[in-house]
Amino acid sequence: MYSTSGTLCLHRLMIEEVISSGYAPEGISAVRFLKNNPEMIKNMTLAWDIFSILRSIGNKLISGSPTTPNRTFHISQTCQVLLKDSAIATIAQEAGITQFGWSRVS
């Protein structure tokens, strides 16, 4: 089963974790906080825990090749970018696009 909004949902969980941790008062500030403090992304737990649970019950969050979801989350954690940005980068890479405007994703 594919969830077309799965990545967006987990992206929002990342934002919620920033807000509930007290780093930002609301959504736009939380996104700005994560973009200015990308090292926080690899230490987040809520979205990664939910991702693991969904994968364990067979939910495929991103359509594409079988490796797309795992690559998306790997890029998000290791390159420290938001999940939506990571999904865009993964799908672009699979389509043969190799140049990105982000210095952390290559």
Foldseek 3Di string as FASTA:
>chain_A
DEDACLLVVLLVVQLVQCCVVPVDVDRVRSLVVQVVVLQVQLVDDDSVVVVVVCVVVPYHHDDDDPCLVVQLVVLCNQLSHGSVVSSVLSVCVVVVDDDDPDPSRD
